[in-house]
Amino acid sequence: MEKPNAIGWFDIYVDDLERAAAFYESVFVQKLEKLVDPTGETEMMSFPASMNAYGASGALVRSAHARPGVGGTMVYFSVEDCAVQESRVVAAQGRVVRPKFSIGDFGFVSLCVDTEGNMFGINSRM
């Protein structure tokens, strides 16, 4: 049996779950789904996921145990052309920190900040 990839799930911490969900839904043009936390300690909205697809999924999380902000863990979303999603960031009330740039053999990246102050990357091969 193969070892799994290093990342199995991610949480993006937010202060305002509805505002953050609207931001990510606008940028990536996909609906997030309410996720029930069995502990009852957090509110969560998950990104669409398929157990048969490459990569990890995760959720936006409002929790008393963690805060959003730049300088922590970076999440990179995989897309076909990062310029497309980057073009939606400002209209969704976010900020583009570094527009699409080459990362050599690994494609391209755009660095952005969401409505909660979290920096995230958008990665594409083209």
C-alpha atoms as a PDB file:
ATOM      1  CA  MET A   1       0.000   0.000   0.000  1.00  0.00           C
ATOM      2  CA  GLU A   2       1.321   3.458  -0.936  1.00  0.00           C
ATOM      3  CA  LYS A   3       1.902   6.083   1.720  1.00  0.00           C
ATOM      4  CA  PRO A   4      -0.619   8.938   1.462  1.00  0.00           C
ATOM      5  CA  ASN A   5       0.442  12.434   0.429  1.00  0.00           C
ATOM      6  CA  ALA A   6       1.643  14.659   3.258  1.00  0.00           C
ATOM      7  CA  ILE A   7      -1.492  16.813   3.366  1.00  0.00           C
ATOM      8  CA  GLY A   8      -4.797  15.090   4.017  1.00  0.00           C
ATOM      9  CA  TRP A   9      -6.900  18.124   4.989  1.00  0.00           C
ATOM     10  CA  PHE A  10      -6.573  21.849   5.644  1.00  0.00           C
ATOM     11  CA  ASP A  11      -8.406  24.449   7.722  1.00  0.00           C
ATOM     12  CA  ILE A  12      -8.457  28.131   6.792  1.00  0.00           C
ATOM     13  CA  TYR A  13      -9.356  30.075   9.911  1.00  0.00           C
ATOM     14  CA  VAL A  14     -11.837  32.936   9.574  1.00  0.00           C
ATOM     15  CA  ASP A  15     -13.643  35.494  11.736  1.00  0.00           C
ATOM     16  CA  ASP A  16     -16.760  35.821   9.574  1.00  0.00           C
ATOM     17  CA  LEU A  17     -17.730  32.455   8.050  1.00  0.00           C
ATOM     18  CA  GLU A  18     -20.440  33.813   5.737  1.00  0.00           C
ATOM     19  CA  ARG A  19     -18.196  36.578   4.382  1.00  0.00           C
ATOM     20  CA  ALA A  20     -15.269  34.175   3.856  1.00  0.00           C
ATOM     21  CA  ALA A  21     -17.499  31.572   2.152  1.00  0.00           C
ATOM     22  CA  ALA A  22     -18.865  34.237  -0.208  1.00  0.00           C
ATOM     23  CA  PHE A  23     -15.289  35.283  -1.054  1.00  0.00           C
ATOM     24  CA  TYR A  24     -14.063  31.772  -1.926  1.00  0.00           C
ATOM     25  CA  GLU A  25     -17.292  30.908  -3.766  1.00  0.00           C
ATOM     26  CA  SER A  26     -16.855  34.059  -5.895  1.00  0.00           C
ATOM     27  CA  VAL A  27     -13.178  33.502  -6.655  1.00  0.00           C
ATOM     28  CA  PHE A  28     -13.379  29.763  -7.449  1.00  0.00           C
ATOM     29  CA  VAL A  29     -16.995  29.703  -8.738  1.00  0.00           C
ATOM     30  CA  GLN A  30     -18.000  26.703  -6.654  1.00  0.00           C
ATOM     31  CA  LYS A  31     -20.381  26.256  -3.748  1.00  0.00           C
ATOM     32  CA  LEU A  32     -19.019  25.432  -0.302  1.00  0.00           C
ATOM     33  CA  GLU A  33     -20.989  23.051   1.904  1.00  0.00           C
ATOM     34  CA  LYS A  34     -21.836  23.334   5.588  1.00  0.00           C
ATOM     35  CA  LEU A  35     -19.889  20.741   7.556  1.00  0.00           C
ATOM     36  CA  VAL A  36     -20.985  19.613  11.009  1.00  0.00           C
ATOM     37  CA  ASP A  37     -18.265  19.574  13.661  1.00  0.00           C
ATOM     38  CA  PRO A  38     -18.992  16.593  15.932  1.00  0.00           C
ATOM     39  CA  THR A  39     -17.441  18.462  18.882  1.00  0.00           C
ATOM     40  CA  GLY A  40     -19.763  21.450  18.396  1.00  0.00           C
ATOM     41  CA  GLU A  41     -16.782  23.776  18.953  1.00  0.00           C
ATOM     42  CA  THR A  42     -16.444  25.206  15.430  1.00  0.00           C
ATOM     43  CA  GLU A  43     -18.471  26.341  12.433  1.00  0.00           C
ATOM     44  CA  MET A  44     -17.238  24.964   9.112  1.00  0.00           C
ATOM     45  CA  MET A  45     -17.848  25.302   5.362  1.00  0.00           C
ATOM     46  CA  SER A  46     -16.026  22.713   3.237  1.00  0.00           C
ATOM     47  CA  PHE A  47     -14.607  22.919  -0.253  1.00  0.00           C
ATOM     48  CA  PRO A  48     -15.968  20.322  -2.708  1.00  0.00           C
ATOM     49  CA  ALA A  49     -13.980  17.094  -2.516  1.00  0.00           C
ATOM     50  CA  SER A  50     -13.636  13.724  -4.173  1.00  0.00           C
ATOM     51  CA  MET A  51     -11.785  10.901  -2.476  1.00  0.00           C
ATOM     52  CA  ASN A  52     -10.772   9.654  -5.962  1.00  0.00           C
ATOM     53  CA  ALA A  53      -9.154  12.916  -7.107  1.00  0.00           C
ATOM     54  CA  TYR A  54      -5.561  14.029  -6.569  1.00  0.00           C
ATOM     55  CA  GLY A  55      -4.934  16.537  -3.782  1.00  0.00           C
ATOM     56  CA  ALA A  56      -6.394  17.427  -0.413  1.00  0.00           C
ATOM     57  CA  SER A  57      -9.579  19.217   0.505  1.00  0.00           C
ATOM     58  CA  GLY A  58     -10.407  21.298   3.519  1.00  0.00           C
ATOM     59  CA  ALA A  59     -12.696  23.864   5.069  1.00  0.00           C
ATOM     60  CA  LEU A  60     -13.153  27.412   6.239  1.00  0.00           C
ATOM     61  CA  VAL A  61     -13.319  27.262  10.035  1.00  0.00           C
ATOM     62  CA  ARG A  62     -14.519  29.719  12.669  1.00  0.00           C
ATOM     63  CA  SER A  63     -13.031  28.599  15.979  1.00  0.00           C
ATOM     64  CA  ALA A  64     -12.183  30.020  19.379  1.00  0.00           C
ATOM     65  CA  HIS A  65      -8.902  28.064  19.169  1.00  0.00           C
ATOM     66  CA  ALA A  66      -7.266  29.798  16.185  1.00  0.00           C
ATOM     67  CA  ARG A  67      -7.258  33.127  14.324  1.00  0.00           C
ATOM     68  CA  PRO A  68      -6.831  34.084  10.663  1.00  0.00           C
ATOM     69  CA  GLY A  69      -3.869  36.082   9.418  1.00  0.00           C
ATOM     70  CA  VAL A  70      -0.840  36.392   7.157  1.00  0.00           C
ATOM     71  CA  GLY A  71       2.368  34.610   8.109  1.00  0.00           C
ATOM     72  CA  GLY A  72       1.070  31.181   9.031  1.00  0.00           C
ATOM     73  CA  THR A  73       0.381  28.166   6.854  1.00  0.00           C
ATOM     74  CA  MET A  74      -0.016  28.826   3.116  1.00  0.00           C
ATOM     75  CA  VAL A  75      -2.631  26.944   1.123  1.00  0.00           C
ATOM     76  CA  TYR A  76      -2.190  26.732  -2.656  1.00  0.00           C
ATOM     77  CA  PHE A  77      -5.277  26.047  -4.757  1.00  0.00           C
ATOM     78  CA  SER A  78      -4.694  24.160  -8.028  1.00  0.00           C
ATOM     79  CA  VAL A  79      -6.467  25.591 -11.080  1.00  0.00           C
ATOM     80  CA  GLU A  80      -6.083  25.556 -14.867  1.00  0.00           C
ATOM     81  CA  ASP A  81      -4.869  29.187 -15.197  1.00  0.00           C
ATOM     82  CA  CYS A  82      -4.325  31.170 -11.990  1.00  0.00           C
ATOM     83  CA  ALA A  83      -4.901  34.474 -13.803  1.00  0.00           C
ATOM     84  CA  VAL A  84      -8.613  33.589 -14.093  1.00  0.00           C
ATOM     85  CA  GLN A  85      -9.211  33.205 -10.340  1.00  0.00           C
ATOM     86  CA  GLU A  86      -6.810  36.076  -9.565  1.00  0.00           C
ATOM     87  CA  SER A  87      -9.002  38.343 -11.702  1.00  0.00           C
ATOM     88  CA  ARG A  88     -11.947  37.668  -9.344  1.00  0.00           C
ATOM     89  CA  VAL A  89     -10.157  38.389  -6.044  1.00  0.00           C
ATOM     90  CA  VAL A  90     -10.607  42.175  -5.828  1.00  0.00           C
ATOM     91  CA  ALA A  91     -14.300  42.040  -6.835  1.00  0.00           C
ATOM     92  CA  ALA A  92     -14.798  39.481  -4.043  1.00  0.00           C
ATOM     93  CA  GLN A  93     -13.309  41.996  -1.551  1.00  0.00           C
ATOM     94  CA  GLY A  94      -9.861  40.382  -1.373  1.00  0.00           C
ATOM     95  CA  ARG A  95      -6.438  41.695  -2.376  1.00  0.00           C
ATOM     96  CA  VAL A  96      -3.830  40.532  -4.900  1.00  0.00           C
ATOM     97  CA  VAL A  97      -0.397  40.672  -3.242  1.00  0.00           C
ATOM     98  CA  ARG A  98       1.643  39.342  -6.158  1.00  0.00           C
ATOM     99  CA  PRO A  99       0.035  38.888  -9.577  1.00  0.00           C
ATOM    100  CA  LYS A 100       0.663  35.717 -11.615  1.00  0.00           C
ATOM    101  CA  PHE A 101       4.385  34.962 -11.795  1.00  0.00           C
ATOM    102  CA  SER A 102       6.492  32.064 -13.045  1.00  0.00           C
ATOM    103  CA  ILE A 103       7.861  29.424 -10.705  1.00  0.00           C
ATOM    104  CA  GLY A 104       9.862  27.780 -13.486  1.00  0.00           C
ATOM    105  CA  ASP A 105       9.174  24.096 -14.157  1.00  0.00           C
ATOM    106  CA  PHE A 106       6.359  24.167 -11.586  1.00  0.00           C
ATOM    107  CA  GLY A 107       4.155  26.613 -13.494  1.00  0.00           C
ATOM    108  CA  PHE A 108       2.745  29.858 -12.155  1.00  0.00           C
ATOM    109  CA  VAL A 109       1.439  31.285  -8.874  1.00  0.00           C
ATOM    110  CA  SER A 110      -0.683  34.260  -7.801  1.00  0.00           C
ATOM    111  CA  LEU A 111      -0.489  35.340  -4.140  1.00  0.00           C
ATOM    112  CA  CYS A 112      -3.670  36.823  -2.664  1.00  0.00           C
ATOM    113  CA  VAL A 113      -5.284  37.753   0.668  1.00  0.00           C
ATOM    114  CA  ASP A 114      -8.877  36.800   1.490  1.00  0.00           C
ATOM    115  CA  THR A 115     -11.503  38.832   3.357  1.00  0.00           C
ATOM    116  CA  GLU A 116     -10.229  37.478   6.681  1.00  0.00           C
ATOM    117  CA  GLY A 117      -6.581  38.482   6.213  1.00  0.00           C
ATOM    118  CA  ASN A 118      -5.310  35.014   5.216  1.00  0.00           C
ATOM    119  CA  MET A 119      -2.739  34.838   2.432  1.00  0.00           C
ATOM    120  CA  PHE A 120      -3.259  32.001  -0.060  1.00  0.00           C
ATOM    121  CA  GLY A 121      -1.756  30.946  -3.361  1.00  0.00           C
ATOM    122  CA  ILE A 122      -3.348  30.009  -6.663  1.00  0.00           C
ATOM    123  CA  ASN A 123      -1.192  27.612  -8.697  1.00  0.00           C
ATOM    124  CA  SER A 124      -1.455  26.560 -12.348  1.00  0.00           C
ATOM    125  CA  ARG A 125       0.719  24.806 -14.916  1.00  0.00           C
ATOM    126  CA  MET A 126       0.001  27.493 -17.541  1.00  0.00           C
END
